[in-house]
């Protein structure tokens, strides 16, 4: 399962989601501005409040990192 912790106004979040879409990857988008539980999960996973954070089957990526996304999707 792929989760993207994001906020609507974040350009890197939009790029991350667009990249996943371009690869045909479905994901759950968690808007941490509106979702308090999602915000708690974000802080627990990343120990910081910045977005995007991508969770690919338990492997965490901070920020938009194409190489890591591809690597973790291929595992």
Protein backbone atom coordinates (compact mmCIF):
# COMPACT_ATOMS: atom_id res chain seq x y z
CA UNK A 1 0.00 0.00 0.00
CA UNK A 2 1.18 3.51 -0.84
CA UNK A 3 0.23 6.52 1.28
CA UNK A 4 1.12 10.13 0.57
CA UNK A 5 0.97 12.56 3.48
CA UNK A 6 0.45 15.99 1.95
CA UNK A 7 -1.22 19.39 2.02
CA UNK A 8 -3.12 20.86 -0.95
CA UNK A 9 -0.85 23.90 -1.38
CA UNK A 10 2.44 21.95 -1.46
CA UNK A 11 3.97 21.89 -4.95
CA UNK A 12 6.28 18.96 -4.06
CA UNK A 13 3.25 17.02 -2.83
CA UNK A 14 1.55 17.62 -6.19
CA UNK A 15 4.68 16.49 -8.06
CA UNK A 16 4.88 13.35 -5.94
CA UNK A 17 1.25 12.44 -6.60
CA UNK A 18 1.59 13.23 -10.32
CA UNK A 19 4.65 10.99 -10.52
CA UNK A 20 2.84 8.10 -8.84
CA UNK A 21 -0.13 8.58 -11.20
CA UNK A 22 2.21 8.62 -14.22
CA UNK A 23 3.52 5.21 -13.13
CA UNK A 24 -0.01 3.85 -12.68
CA UNK A 25 0.40 3.53 -8.90
CA UNK A 26 -2.72 3.94 -6.79
CA UNK A 27 -2.22 5.61 -3.43
CA UNK A 28 -4.08 6.97 -0.45
CA UNK A 29 -3.74 10.75 -0.15
CA UNK A 30 -3.77 11.92 3.48
CA UNK A 31 -4.35 15.66 3.79
CA UNK A 32 -2.60 16.42 7.08
CA UNK A 33 -4.12 19.92 7.22
CA UNK A 34 -7.59 18.44 7.69
CA UNK A 35 -6.93 14.93 9.02
CA UNK A 36 -5.78 15.08 12.66
CA UNK A 37 -5.14 11.33 12.83
CA UNK A 38 -3.17 11.56 9.59
CA UNK A 39 -1.08 14.37 11.06
CA UNK A 40 -0.31 12.20 14.10
CA UNK A 41 0.73 9.35 11.78
CA UNK A 42 2.96 11.75 9.81
CA UNK A 43 4.73 12.94 12.96
CA UNK A 44 5.16 9.37 14.16
CA UNK A 45 6.65 8.23 10.85
CA UNK A 46 8.87 11.18 10.03
CA UNK A 47 9.51 12.88 13.39
CA UNK A 48 8.84 16.18 11.59
CA UNK A 49 5.92 18.06 10.11
CA UNK A 50 7.16 18.66 6.58
CA UNK A 51 5.49 17.12 3.55
CA UNK A 52 5.38 15.18 1.34
CA UNK A 53 6.06 11.96 3.16
CA UNK A 54 5.50 8.77 1.19
CA UNK A 55 4.90 5.42 2.88
CA UNK A 56 5.42 2.49 0.51
CA UNK A 57 4.63 -0.73 2.34
CA UNK A 58 6.23 0.60 5.52
CA UNK A 59 9.27 2.17 3.84
CA UNK A 60 9.31 5.93 4.42
CA UNK A 61 10.47 8.59 1.95
CA UNK A 62 10.82 12.20 3.08
CA UNK A 63 10.19 14.66 0.27
CA UNK A 64 9.91 13.92 -3.44
CA UNK A 65 12.62 11.39 -4.29
CA UNK A 66 12.00 9.67 -7.63
CA UNK A 67 14.87 7.25 -7.20
CA UNK A 68 13.69 6.00 -3.80
CA UNK A 69 10.08 5.80 -4.97
CA UNK A 70 11.15 3.61 -7.89
CA UNK A 71 13.41 1.52 -5.67
CA UNK A 72 10.74 0.91 -3.01
CA UNK A 73 8.05 0.15 -5.59
CA UNK A 74 10.24 -2.53 -7.14
CA UNK A 75 10.75 -4.44 -3.88
